[in-house]
Amino acid sequence: MKKLLYEIKEKLLENLMYFVVAIVIAAIVFLLTGCTSEPKKEHTYTVQKGDTLYTIAQDLGIEDWRKFRYETCKNNGLEQGGLIFTGQEIVICY
């Protein structure tokens, strides 16, 4: 009887571990894909003299400029510093 209970306990713990791993993976995928309930506007923006991703975010009324910078860098293949140049066309989502 003890052996049977031990085996059941081990199976439950193993299944619980798989469940927790699945939840963690789902959460990571959700965060990396940027899933939100908010619709996003997307358009091409031509960088003007003196622009930074921070000032562009301010002009668009975006509160979370760090997320904006991250997404803009990701969408345009920019380094995470977000260095942009006058005349450069970037796709921005907000």
C-alpha atoms as a PDB file:
ATOM      1  CA  MET A   1       0.000   0.000   0.000  1.00  0.00           C
ATOM      2  CA  LYS A   2       2.811   2.423   0.876  1.00  0.00           C
ATOM      3  CA  LYS A   3       4.541   1.628  -2.401  1.00  0.00           C
ATOM      4  CA  LEU A   4       1.365   2.363  -4.353  1.00  0.00           C
ATOM      5  CA  LEU A   5       0.855   5.675  -2.542  1.00  0.00           C
ATOM      6  CA  TYR A   6       4.490   6.588  -3.173  1.00  0.00           C
ATOM      7  CA  GLU A   7       4.119   5.842  -6.905  1.00  0.00           C
ATOM      8  CA  ILE A   8       0.919   7.918  -7.101  1.00  0.00           C
ATOM      9  CA  LYS A   9       2.621  10.796  -5.302  1.00  0.00           C
ATOM     10  CA  GLU A  10       5.596  10.646  -7.669  1.00  0.00           C
ATOM     11  CA  LYS A  11       3.319  10.620 -10.730  1.00  0.00           C
ATOM     12  CA  LEU A  12       1.352  13.613  -9.413  1.00  0.00           C
ATOM     13  CA  LEU A  13       4.539  15.564  -8.755  1.00  0.00           C
ATOM     14  CA  GLU A  14       5.843  14.743 -12.225  1.00  0.00           C
ATOM     15  CA  ASN A  15       2.578  15.882 -13.859  1.00  0.00           C
ATOM     16  CA  LEU A  16       2.560  19.033 -11.728  1.00  0.00           C
ATOM     17  CA  MET A  17       6.081  19.806 -12.904  1.00  0.00           C
ATOM     18  CA  TYR A  18       5.025  19.496 -16.564  1.00  0.00           C
ATOM     19  CA  PHE A  19       2.009  21.724 -15.887  1.00  0.00           C
ATOM     20  CA  VAL A  20       4.157  24.428 -14.249  1.00  0.00           C
ATOM     21  CA  VAL A  21       6.665  24.301 -17.123  1.00  0.00           C
ATOM     22  CA  ALA A  22       3.820  24.661 -19.647  1.00  0.00           C
ATOM     23  CA  ILE A  23       2.450  27.696 -17.794  1.00  0.00           C
ATOM     24  CA  VAL A  24       5.885  29.340 -17.663  1.00  0.00           C
ATOM     25  CA  ILE A  25       6.444  28.736 -21.386  1.00  0.00           C
ATOM     26  CA  ALA A  26       3.010  30.180 -22.212  1.00  0.00           C
ATOM     27  CA  ALA A  27       3.766  33.271 -20.111  1.00  0.00           C
ATOM     28  CA  ILE A  28       7.118  33.783 -21.842  1.00  0.00           C
ATOM     29  CA  VAL A  29       5.551  33.457 -25.302  1.00  0.00           C
ATOM     30  CA  PHE A  30       2.821  35.914 -24.295  1.00  0.00           C
ATOM     31  CA  LEU A  31       5.386  38.470 -23.120  1.00  0.00           C
ATOM     32  CA  LEU A  32       7.713  38.058 -26.097  1.00  0.00           C
ATOM     33  CA  THR A  33       4.976  38.395 -28.691  1.00  0.00           C
ATOM     34  CA  GLY A  34       3.673  41.549 -27.053  1.00  0.00           C
ATOM     35  CA  CYS A  35       0.107  40.276 -26.911  1.00  0.00           C
ATOM     36  CA  THR A  36      -2.163  43.015 -25.662  1.00  0.00           C
ATOM     37  CA  SER A  37      -5.829  43.739 -25.883  1.00  0.00           C
ATOM     38  CA  GLU A  38      -5.076  47.199 -27.244  1.00  0.00           C
ATOM     39  CA  PRO A  39      -5.082  47.663 -31.020  1.00  0.00           C
ATOM     40  CA  LYS A  40      -1.876  49.236 -32.305  1.00  0.00           C
ATOM     41  CA  LYS A  41      -1.445  51.799 -35.023  1.00  0.00           C
ATOM     42  CA  GLU A  42       1.468  51.176 -37.355  1.00  0.00           C
ATOM     43  CA  HIS A  43       3.005  53.595 -39.765  1.00  0.00           C
ATOM     44  CA  THR A  44       6.298  54.647 -41.298  1.00  0.00           C
ATOM     45  CA  TYR A  45       8.014  57.648 -39.776  1.00  0.00           C
ATOM     46  CA  THR A  46      10.892  59.626 -41.278  1.00  0.00           C
ATOM     47  CA  VAL A  47      13.354  60.669 -38.581  1.00  0.00           C
ATOM     48  CA  GLN A  48      13.792  64.438 -38.327  1.00  0.00           C
ATOM     49  CA  LYS A  49      16.871  66.322 -37.105  1.00  0.00           C
ATOM     50  CA  GLY A  50      17.055  66.116 -33.299  1.00  0.00           C
ATOM     51  CA  ASP A  51      14.658  63.143 -33.023  1.00  0.00           C
ATOM     52  CA  THR A  52      15.242  60.356 -30.561  1.00  0.00           C
ATOM     53  CA  LEU A  53      12.953  57.451 -29.848  1.00  0.00           C
ATOM     54  CA  TYR A  54      12.144  59.174 -26.571  1.00  0.00           C
ATOM     55  CA  THR A  55      11.082  62.445 -28.241  1.00  0.00           C
ATOM     56  CA  ILE A  56       9.076  60.563 -30.880  1.00  0.00           C
ATOM     57  CA  ALA A  57       7.267  58.692 -28.113  1.00  0.00           C
ATOM     58  CA  GLN A  58       6.578  61.994 -26.343  1.00  0.00           C
ATOM     59  CA  ASP A  59       5.208  63.553 -29.538  1.00  0.00           C
ATOM     60  CA  LEU A  60       2.886  60.579 -30.003  1.00  0.00           C
ATOM     61  CA  GLY A  61       1.710  60.755 -26.377  1.00  0.00           C
ATOM     62  CA  ILE A  62       3.163  57.349 -25.491  1.00  0.00           C
ATOM     63  CA  GLU A  63       3.621  56.989 -21.745  1.00  0.00           C
ATOM     64  CA  ASP A  64       5.700  53.802 -21.700  1.00  0.00           C
ATOM     65  CA  TRP A  65       8.528  55.042 -23.922  1.00  0.00           C
ATOM     66  CA  ARG A  66      10.835  52.175 -22.871  1.00  0.00           C
ATOM     67  CA  LYS A  67       8.393  49.624 -24.287  1.00  0.00           C
ATOM     68  CA  PHE A  68       8.021  51.821 -27.391  1.00  0.00           C
ATOM     69  CA  ARG A  69      11.820  51.933 -27.780  1.00  0.00           C
ATOM     70  CA  TYR A  70      12.081  48.148 -27.331  1.00  0.00           C
ATOM     71  CA  GLU A  71       9.346  47.400 -29.883  1.00  0.00           C
ATOM     72  CA  THR A  72      10.654  49.957 -32.377  1.00  0.00           C
ATOM     73  CA  CYS A  73      14.184  48.533 -32.131  1.00  0.00           C
ATOM     74  CA  LYS A  74      12.845  44.999 -32.541  1.00  0.00           C
ATOM     75  CA  ASN A  75      10.629  45.896 -35.523  1.00  0.00           C
ATOM     76  CA  ASN A  76      13.375  47.812 -37.336  1.00  0.00           C
ATOM     77  CA  GLY A  77      16.427  45.680 -36.538  1.00  0.00           C
ATOM     78  CA  LEU A  78      17.995  48.443 -34.462  1.00  0.00           C
ATOM     79  CA  GLU A  79      20.409  47.911 -31.600  1.00  0.00           C
ATOM     80  CA  GLN A  80      18.749  48.187 -28.186  1.00  0.00           C
ATOM     81  CA  GLY A  81      20.234  51.650 -27.695  1.00  0.00           C
ATOM     82  CA  GLY A  82      17.861  52.825 -30.406  1.00  0.00           C
ATOM     83  CA  LEU A  83      20.313  54.972 -32.354  1.00  0.00           C
ATOM     84  CA  ILE A  84      18.450  56.562 -35.277  1.00  0.00           C
ATOM     85  CA  PHE A  85      19.569  58.985 -37.976  1.00  0.00           C
ATOM     86  CA  THR A  86      18.018  61.976 -39.733  1.00  0.00           C
ATOM     87  CA  GLY A  87      16.190  60.843 -42.880  1.00  0.00           C
ATOM     88  CA  GLN A  88      15.956  57.229 -41.727  1.00  0.00           C
ATOM     89  CA  GLU A  89      12.539  55.636 -42.188  1.00  0.00           C
ATOM     90  CA  ILE A  90      11.354  53.498 -39.297  1.00  0.00           C
ATOM     91  CA  VAL A  91       8.163  51.543 -38.740  1.00  0.00           C
ATOM     92  CA  ILE A  92       6.545  52.559 -35.477  1.00  0.00           C
ATOM     93  CA  CYS A  93       3.652  50.905 -33.669  1.00  0.00           C
ATOM     94  CA  TYR A  94       1.718  52.622 -30.934  1.00  0.00           C
END
